[in-house]
Amino acid sequence: MARPQLLSIPERLDANPRFTGRGVVIALVDSGFYPHPDLMRPKRRIKAYADATRDEAVADDFFTPRAASWHGTMTACTAAGNGYVSGGRYRGLASEAEVVLIKAMSSEGKITGKNVAHAIRFPLRYPHLNIRVLNVSLAAPSNDPDLAEVEAAVAEVVAAGITVFAAAGNTPGRPSRAPASAPEAITVGGLDDKGEREGDASLWPSSYGTVRPGLDKPDLVAPAIWVPAPMLPGTLVAREAVALFQVLSVLEELSVEQGFSEQKQRASHEERSSVNGLIDAVSARINRQKYIGVDYQHVDGTSFAAPIAASVAAQMLEANPELTPAQIREGLLATAAPMPQFPKIQQGAGFIRPRQAVMWAQQKKQDKSVAVVEEGALE
């Protein structure tokens, strides 16, 4: 059956609820986006929208729910959604951060290295947006002529003080592609925690390997399955979810009546079997479509592991705004938990631990304050 009680990411990862990315701006590069209520209500947290494939963004592409927009909308809400439509239940770790959404797929459905590099460099062109974290949940084609340009863009952005996260990919045994292959990117592979806080965790089958001599990816892993994310309102998928749950509710009520109502008890064996068969069929469809309600699905892939890691960085920056990209990398890897039953090349430093990463950031801030006081005492 469906999983209506799927835990939110903050619950599963035992995150400190005090830190929600307040004051931090996260940019996300993806195929397309839609201004979902989880990012727009009760106040608008979308700071800007851009299209790296055009000279100017087209408003209709953004404000109309389209098939190309679901992936980016879900990655953005995985990182920074506040779960508004779910009453706050399915929120991300950085539920109060602002976001900048950067579309990198053309209207023809193509992703090129040139456009990805252009999208990654967006924060450099608009420094007034104060972007501190950038997540990329797509990759340039393996035969693209501009792969080196994509990696160069990552290096430039990190040098400017912006921490870059990239999805490792979902092809086990094959090295990650750009931008995840960039040395400066924090490349995130997948964890399967069974959707539970203390589940019997294993690795999600994500890309891994040596991208060049001396450089293995991913750097760490985060949940890549059972990740709740909102569906695009009005789309066929969303309409199907509403219809299925309505039908299931009616069928279950009918089934109960057949057991307790004198009139319904007279229903034939064939009628009762028909109702039970329909319940099984509708439940199977809900399961297959990964619906966890009329507004949310659970999704999988490293596309969603990466923004989870990016949202932890936003928490760290809320706790200590002076952290550099190198320090954020250091803190995330130092506090990750290795999984000794799996090879290091598949998991990097291990699975991400938000609470410990934030504590590391706070300690770094405290250590600096102590050092300043001691230096002043010597003068």
Protein backbone atom coordinates (compact mmCIF):
# COMPACT_ATOMS: atom_id res chain seq x y z
CA MET A 1 0.00 0.00 0.00
CA ALA A 2 1.02 3.68 -0.21
CA ARG A 3 3.14 5.30 2.52
CA PRO A 4 1.01 8.18 3.90
CA GLN A 5 3.19 8.41 7.01
CA LEU A 6 6.48 8.86 5.14
CA LEU A 7 8.78 10.90 7.35
CA SER A 8 10.08 14.29 6.28
CA ILE A 9 13.80 14.67 5.62
CA PRO A 10 14.39 16.73 8.81
CA GLU A 11 12.75 13.96 10.87
CA ARG A 12 14.69 11.17 9.19
CA LEU A 13 18.06 12.87 9.46
CA ASP A 14 17.51 14.09 13.03
CA ALA A 15 18.17 17.69 12.01
CA ASN A 16 18.21 20.55 14.50
CA PRO A 17 14.82 22.29 13.98
CA ARG A 18 16.27 25.64 15.06
CA PHE A 19 18.17 25.97 11.79
CA THR A 20 16.12 26.40 8.63
CA GLY A 21 18.41 28.32 6.30
CA ARG A 22 17.23 31.76 7.45
CA GLY A 23 19.15 34.52 5.69
CA VAL A 24 20.73 32.15 3.15
CA VAL A 25 20.12 32.15 -0.61
CA ILE A 26 20.31 28.83 -2.47
CA ALA A 27 20.48 28.74 -6.28
CA LEU A 28 19.31 25.64 -8.12
CA VAL A 29 20.21 24.71 -11.69
CA ASP A 30 17.76 22.29 -13.27
CA SER A 31 15.62 21.48 -16.30
CA GLY A 32 12.76 23.80 -15.36
CA PHE A 33 10.74 25.19 -12.48
CA TYR A 34 7.28 26.24 -11.32
CA PRO A 35 6.43 28.66 -8.46
CA HIS A 36 4.96 26.02 -6.16
CA PRO A 37 3.10 27.15 -3.02
CA ASP A 38 5.76 25.42 -0.89
CA LEU A 39 8.13 28.15 -2.11
CA MET A 40 5.61 31.01 -2.41
CA ARG A 41 3.41 30.86 0.71
CA PRO A 42 2.87 32.27 3.23
CA LYS A 43 5.52 34.57 1.74
CA ARG A 44 7.40 34.46 -1.53
CA ARG A 45 10.89 32.99 -1.14
CA ILE A 46 11.75 32.79 -4.85
CA LYS A 47 14.21 35.64 -5.17
CA ALA A 48 14.77 35.33 -8.94
CA TYR A 49 14.09 33.10 -11.93
CA ALA A 50 16.41 32.85 -14.92
CA ASP A 51 16.71 30.87 -18.15
CA ALA A 52 20.28 30.08 -19.13
CA THR A 53 19.17 28.98 -22.61
CA ARG A 54 17.70 32.37 -23.61
CA ASP A 55 18.63 36.02 -23.45
CA GLU A 56 15.51 36.62 -21.35
CA ALA A 57 13.30 34.25 -19.38
CA VAL A 58 9.78 33.67 -20.71
CA ALA A 59 7.19 34.15 -17.98
CA ASP A 60 4.81 31.58 -19.44
CA ASP A 61 7.49 28.88 -19.14
CA PHE A 62 7.67 29.56 -15.42
CA PHE A 63 4.07 30.21 -14.42
CA THR A 64 2.49 27.37 -16.45
CA PRO A 65 2.88 23.85 -15.01
CA ARG A 66 4.76 21.85 -17.66
CA ALA A 67 6.20 18.36 -17.87
CA ALA A 68 9.71 19.85 -18.08
CA SER A 69 9.17 21.75 -14.82
CA TRP A 70 8.50 18.88 -12.41
CA HIS A 71 12.13 17.87 -11.82
CA GLY A 72 13.44 21.29 -10.88
CA THR A 73 10.38 22.11 -8.81
CA MET A 74 10.86 18.92 -6.82
CA THR A 75 14.60 19.50 -6.28
CA ALA A 76 13.95 23.08 -5.14
CA CYS A 77 11.25 21.96 -2.71
CA THR A 78 13.42 19.09 -1.48
CA ALA A 79 16.00 21.66 -0.41
CA ALA A 80 13.89 24.63 0.61
CA GLY A 81 10.19 23.76 0.46
CA ASN A 82 8.27 24.59 3.63
CA GLY A 83 5.59 21.93 3.10
CA TYR A 84 2.88 24.60 2.92
CA VAL A 85 0.46 22.38 1.01
CA SER A 86 1.00 19.55 3.51
CA GLY A 87 0.53 21.76 6.55
CA GLY A 88 4.30 21.88 7.05
CA ARG A 89 4.78 18.12 7.14
CA TYR A 90 6.86 17.60 3.99
CA ARG A 91 9.33 20.42 4.45
CA GLY A 92 12.99 20.60 3.52
CA LEU A 93 15.91 21.29 5.85
CA ALA A 94 16.25 24.88 4.56
CA SER A 95 12.53 25.69 4.73
CA GLU A 96 13.13 29.40 5.34
CA ALA A 97 15.93 29.96 2.84
CA GLU A 98 15.39 32.06 -0.28
CA VAL A 99 15.95 30.46 -3.67
CA VAL A 100 17.11 31.46 -7.12
CA LEU A 101 15.86 29.13 -9.87
CA ILE A 102 17.98 28.76 -13.02
CA LYS A 103 16.59 26.81 -15.97
CA ALA A 104 19.26 25.03 -18.06
CA MET A 105 17.21 22.89 -20.46
CA SER A 106 16.14 24.36 -23.79
CA SER A 107 12.55 24.51 -25.01
CA GLU A 108 13.46 21.57 -27.27
CA GLY A 109 14.33 19.48 -24.22
CA LYS A 110 18.12 19.58 -24.72
CA ILE A 111 20.82 20.01 -22.09
CA THR A 112 24.22 21.20 -23.32
CA GLY A 113 27.49 21.83 -21.55
CA LYS A 114 27.46 25.43 -22.76
CA ASN A 115 24.10 26.14 -21.13
CA VAL A 116 24.99 24.30 -17.93
CA ALA A 117 28.21 26.32 -17.60
CA HIS A 118 26.26 29.52 -18.28
CA ALA A 119 23.74 28.59 -15.59
CA ILE A 120 26.43 27.78 -13.03
CA ARG A 121 28.07 31.17 -13.60
CA PHE A 122 24.78 33.01 -12.96
CA PRO A 123 25.75 34.01 -9.38
CA LEU A 124 28.89 35.68 -10.73
CA ARG A 125 26.82 37.90 -13.04
CA TYR A 126 24.40 38.89 -10.29
CA PRO A 127 26.42 39.20 -7.06
CA HIS A 128 23.74 41.40 -5.47
CA LEU A 129 21.57 38.28 -5.06
CA ASN A 130 24.07 37.09 -2.43
CA ILE A 131 23.88 33.43 -3.44
CA ARG A 132 25.91 31.30 -1.00
CA VAL A 133 24.97 27.77 -2.11
CA LEU A 134 24.39 26.40 -5.63
CA ASN A 135 22.93 22.98 -6.43
CA VAL A 136 23.07 21.29 -9.83
CA SER A 137 20.87 18.23 -10.27
CA LEU A 138 21.61 17.58 -13.93
CA ALA A 139 24.68 16.75 -15.99
CA ALA A 140 26.07 17.63 -19.38
CA PRO A 141 26.07 14.80 -21.97
CA SER A 142 29.18 12.61 -21.78
CA ASN A 143 30.18 13.51 -25.36
CA ASP A 144 29.58 17.24 -24.98
CA PRO A 145 32.46 19.41 -26.26
CA ASP A 146 32.15 21.81 -23.33
CA LEU A 147 32.66 19.47 -20.37
CA ALA A 148 35.87 21.25 -19.39
CA GLU A 149 33.97 24.55 -19.48
CA VAL A 150 31.39 23.17 -17.06
CA GLU A 151 34.11 22.15 -14.61
CA ALA A 152 35.81 25.54 -15.05
CA ALA A 153 32.52 27.26 -14.19
CA VAL A 154 32.31 25.30 -10.95
CA ALA A 155 35.87 26.30 -10.02
CA GLU A 156 35.12 29.98 -10.69
CA VAL A 157 31.95 29.98 -8.61
CA VAL A 158 33.59 28.22 -5.67
CA ALA A 159 36.51 30.66 -5.84
CA ALA A 160 33.94 33.45 -5.49
CA GLY A 161 32.76 32.00 -2.18
CA ILE A 162 29.78 29.93 -3.32
CA THR A 163 29.57 26.27 -2.33
CA VAL A 164 28.56 24.03 -5.25
CA PHE A 165 26.74 20.71 -4.87
CA ALA A 166 26.19 18.27 -7.74
CA ALA A 167 24.23 15.06 -8.12
CA ALA A 168 26.54 12.09 -8.67
CA GLY A 169 24.24 10.39 -11.18
CA ASN A 170 22.36 7.10 -11.15
CA THR A 171 24.60 4.71 -13.10
CA PRO A 172 26.42 2.37 -10.68
CA GLY A 173 30.04 1.70 -11.51
CA ARG A 174 30.31 4.59 -13.94
CA PRO A 175 32.10 7.81 -12.90
CA SER A 176 30.10 11.01 -12.47
CA ARG A 177 29.82 13.49 -15.34
CA ALA A 178 30.35 17.25 -15.23
CA PRO A 179 29.61 19.20 -13.11
CA ALA A 180 29.78 16.36 -10.55
CA SER A 181 33.26 15.47 -11.83
CA ALA A 182 34.66 18.88 -10.89
CA PRO A 183 37.17 18.70 -8.00
CA GLU A 184 35.63 21.77 -6.38
CA ALA A 185 32.06 20.40 -6.43
CA ILE A 186 30.70 18.53 -3.43
CA THR A 187 29.39 15.49 -5.28
CA VAL A 188 26.52 13.69 -3.60
CA GLY A 189 25.72 10.03 -4.04
CA GLY A 190 22.65 8.18 -2.82
CA LEU A 191 21.63 6.63 0.50
CA ASP A 192 18.68 4.29 1.03
CA ASP A 193 17.61 4.77 4.66
CA LYS A 194 14.31 2.94 4.03
CA GLY A 195 12.48 6.19 4.72
CA GLU A 196 13.07 5.80 8.44
CA ARG A 197 15.07 7.61 11.09
CA GLU A 198 16.94 4.55 12.22
CA GLY A 199 16.41 2.19 9.30
CA ASP A 200 18.74 -0.50 8.06
CA ALA A 201 20.50 1.86 5.68
CA SER A 202 22.21 0.80 2.48
CA LEU A 203 23.56 2.62 -0.56
CA TRP A 204 21.36 3.80 -3.40
CA PRO A 205 22.73 2.55 -6.76
CA SER A 206 24.34 5.82 -7.84
CA SER A 207 27.31 6.68 -10.03
CA TYR A 208 30.76 6.40 -8.50
CA GLY A 209 34.36 5.92 -9.49
CA THR A 210 37.64 7.65 -10.29
CA VAL A 211 36.94 10.67 -12.49
CA ARG A 212 40.66 11.36 -12.91
CA PRO A 213 43.83 10.11 -11.21
CA GLY A 214 43.64 10.92 -7.53
CA LEU A 215 40.02 12.08 -7.59
CA ASP A 216 37.17 9.78 -6.60
CA LYS A 217 33.50 10.75 -6.50
CA PRO A 218 31.08 10.97 -4.71
CA ASP A 219 32.26 12.96 -1.70
CA LEU A 220 29.42 11.79 0.55
CA VAL A 221 25.89 10.36 0.32
CA ALA A 222 22.39 11.58 1.28
CA PRO A 223 18.87 10.10 0.99
CA ALA A 224 18.04 9.28 -2.63
CA ILE A 225 14.81 7.32 -2.18
CA TRP A 226 11.57 7.81 -0.25
CA VAL A 227 12.09 11.56 -0.62
CA PRO A 228 8.74 13.43 -0.41
CA ALA A 229 8.24 16.18 -2.98
CA PRO A 230 5.22 18.11 -4.30
CA MET A 231 3.61 17.40 -7.65
CA LEU A 232 2.87 20.15 -10.16
CA PRO A 233 -0.71 21.35 -9.61
CA GLY A 234 -3.09 20.71 -12.50
CA THR A 235 -0.89 18.24 -14.35
CA LEU A 236 -2.10 14.79 -15.37
CA VAL A 237 -0.09 13.18 -12.58
CA ALA A 238 -1.61 15.46 -9.93
CA ARG A 239 -5.12 14.96 -11.30
CA GLU A 240 -4.66 11.20 -11.27
CA ALA A 241 -3.56 11.29 -7.63
CA VAL A 242 -6.71 13.17 -6.62
CA ALA A 243 -8.94 10.76 -8.53
CA LEU A 244 -7.24 7.64 -7.16
CA PHE A 245 -7.45 8.70 -3.54
CA GLN A 246 -11.10 9.72 -3.97
CA VAL A 247 -11.97 6.36 -5.53
CA LEU A 248 -10.01 4.50 -2.85
CA SER A 249 -11.89 6.36 -0.12
CA VAL A 250 -15.26 5.43 -1.63
CA LEU A 251 -14.30 1.80 -2.14
CA GLU A 252 -12.97 1.44 1.41
CA GLU A 253 -16.16 2.98 2.80
CA LEU A 254 -18.21 0.59 0.70
CA SER A 255 -16.15 -2.34 1.92
CA VAL A 256 -16.75 -1.38 5.55
CA GLU A 257 -20.47 -1.00 4.92
CA GLN A 258 -20.58 -4.48 3.44
CA GLY A 259 -19.32 -5.77 6.76
CA PHE A 260 -21.54 -3.76 9.11
CA SER A 261 -24.64 -2.67 7.21
CA GLU A 262 -27.59 -5.07 7.20
CA GLN A 263 -28.44 -4.05 3.65
CA LYS A 264 -24.87 -4.38 2.39
CA GLN A 265 -24.46 -7.73 4.10
CA ARG A 266 -26.81 -9.06 1.49
CA ALA A 267 -24.24 -8.22 -1.18
CA SER A 268 -23.21 -11.25 -3.15
CA HIS A 269 -19.79 -12.84 -2.86
CA GLU A 270 -19.05 -11.60 -6.39
CA GLU A 271 -19.93 -8.01 -5.40
CA ARG A 272 -17.69 -8.08 -2.32
CA SER A 273 -14.86 -9.66 -4.34
CA SER A 274 -15.28 -6.96 -6.98
CA VAL A 275 -14.95 -4.17 -4.42
CA ASN A 276 -11.92 -5.78 -2.78
CA GLY A 277 -10.34 -6.34 -6.17
CA LEU A 278 -10.80 -2.68 -7.07
CA ILE A 279 -9.26 -1.63 -3.77
CA ASP A 280 -6.21 -3.77 -4.53
CA ALA A 281 -5.96 -2.39 -8.08
CA VAL A 282 -6.24 1.27 -7.03
CA SER A 283 -3.77 0.75 -4.16
CA ALA A 284 -1.33 -0.88 -6.59
CA ARG A 285 -1.59 2.11 -8.94
CA ILE A 286 -0.98 4.54 -6.06
CA ASN A 287 2.06 2.51 -5.11
CA ARG A 288 3.36 2.37 -8.66
CA GLN A 289 3.02 6.14 -9.08
CA LYS A 290 4.66 6.73 -5.68
CA TYR A 291 1.79 8.90 -4.47
CA ILE A 292 1.81 9.67 -0.74
CA GLY A 293 -1.23 11.94 -0.93
CA VAL A 294 -3.15 14.10 -3.36
CA ASP A 295 -0.33 16.67 -3.52
CA TYR A 296 2.94 14.77 -2.97
CA GLN A 297 4.93 11.86 -4.38
CA HIS A 298 8.04 10.19 -3.08
CA VAL A 299 10.88 10.45 -5.58
CA ASP A 300 14.27 8.84 -6.00
CA GLY A 301 17.70 9.49 -7.49
CA THR A 302 20.77 11.50 -6.63
CA SER A 303 18.99 14.53 -8.11
CA PHE A 304 17.29 14.73 -4.72
CA ALA A 305 20.24 13.68 -2.58
CA ALA A 306 22.24 16.70 -3.77
CA PRO A 307 19.73 19.40 -2.74
CA ILE A 308 19.38 17.71 0.65
CA ALA A 309 23.14 18.18 1.11
CA ALA A 310 22.85 21.76 -0.17
CA SER A 311 20.15 22.46 2.42
CA VAL A 312 22.49 21.24 5.17
CA ALA A 313 25.05 23.77 3.93
CA ALA A 314 22.36 26.47 4.26
CA GLN A 315 21.82 25.40 7.88
CA MET A 316 25.57 25.59 8.49
CA LEU A 317 25.71 29.10 7.00
CA GLU A 318 22.81 30.22 9.17
CA ALA A 319 24.76 28.99 12.18
CA ASN A 320 28.01 30.56 10.95
CA PRO A 321 27.70 32.95 7.97
CA GLU A 322 31.48 33.32 7.68
CA LEU A 323 32.08 29.75 6.53
CA THR A 324 33.94 29.39 3.24
CA PRO A 325 33.20 26.68 0.65
CA ALA A 326 36.33 24.84 1.80
CA GLN A 327 35.13 24.93 5.39
CA ILE A 328 31.64 23.73 4.46
CA ARG A 329 33.23 20.81 2.62
CA GLU A 330 35.47 20.11 5.59
CA GLY A 331 32.57 20.20 8.04
CA LEU A 332 30.25 18.01 5.99
CA LEU A 333 32.90 15.36 5.39
CA ALA A 334 34.26 15.45 8.94
CA THR A 335 30.80 14.87 10.43
CA ALA A 336 29.57 12.29 7.88
CA ALA A 337 29.20 8.71 9.14
CA PRO A 338 31.10 6.06 7.14
CA MET A 339 29.30 2.84 6.29
CA PRO A 340 32.04 0.22 6.82
CA GLN A 341 30.11 -2.49 4.98
CA PHE A 342 30.44 -0.57 1.70
CA PRO A 343 33.56 0.48 -0.26
CA LYS A 344 34.73 4.04 0.31
CA ILE A 345 34.73 4.78 -3.41
CA GLN A 346 30.94 4.34 -3.44
CA GLN A 347 30.17 6.58 -0.45
CA GLY A 348 33.04 9.01 0.00
CA ALA A 349 33.07 10.17 3.63
CA GLY A 350 29.76 8.41 4.35
CA PHE A 351 26.19 9.56 4.96
CA ILE A 352 25.39 13.15 5.80
CA ARG A 353 24.50 14.14 9.36
CA PRO A 354 22.88 17.60 9.53
CA ARG A 355 22.80 18.03 13.30
CA GLN A 356 26.50 17.24 13.64
CA ALA A 357 27.39 19.45 10.66
CA VAL A 358 25.61 22.43 12.24
CA MET A 359 27.34 21.77 15.55
CA TRP A 360 30.66 21.74 13.68
CA ALA A 361 29.79 25.13 12.13
CA GLN A 362 28.88 26.56 15.54
CA GLN A 363 32.12 25.28 17.05
CA LYS A 364 34.09 26.89 14.23
CA LYS A 365 32.43 30.21 15.02
CA GLN A 366 33.13 29.83 18.73
CA ASP A 367 36.77 28.94 18.11
CA LYS A 368 37.20 32.08 16.02
CA SER A 369 35.62 34.25 18.73
CA VAL A 370 37.98 32.80 21.33
CA ALA A 371 40.96 33.39 19.06
CA VAL A 372 39.96 37.04 18.57
CA VAL A 373 39.60 37.56 22.32
CA GLU A 374 42.98 35.96 23.00
CA GLU A 375 44.64 38.05 20.32
CA GLY A 376 43.16 41.21 21.81
CA ALA A 377 44.40 40.24 25.26
CA LEU A 378 47.96 40.04 23.93
CA GLU A 379 47.94 43.55 22.53
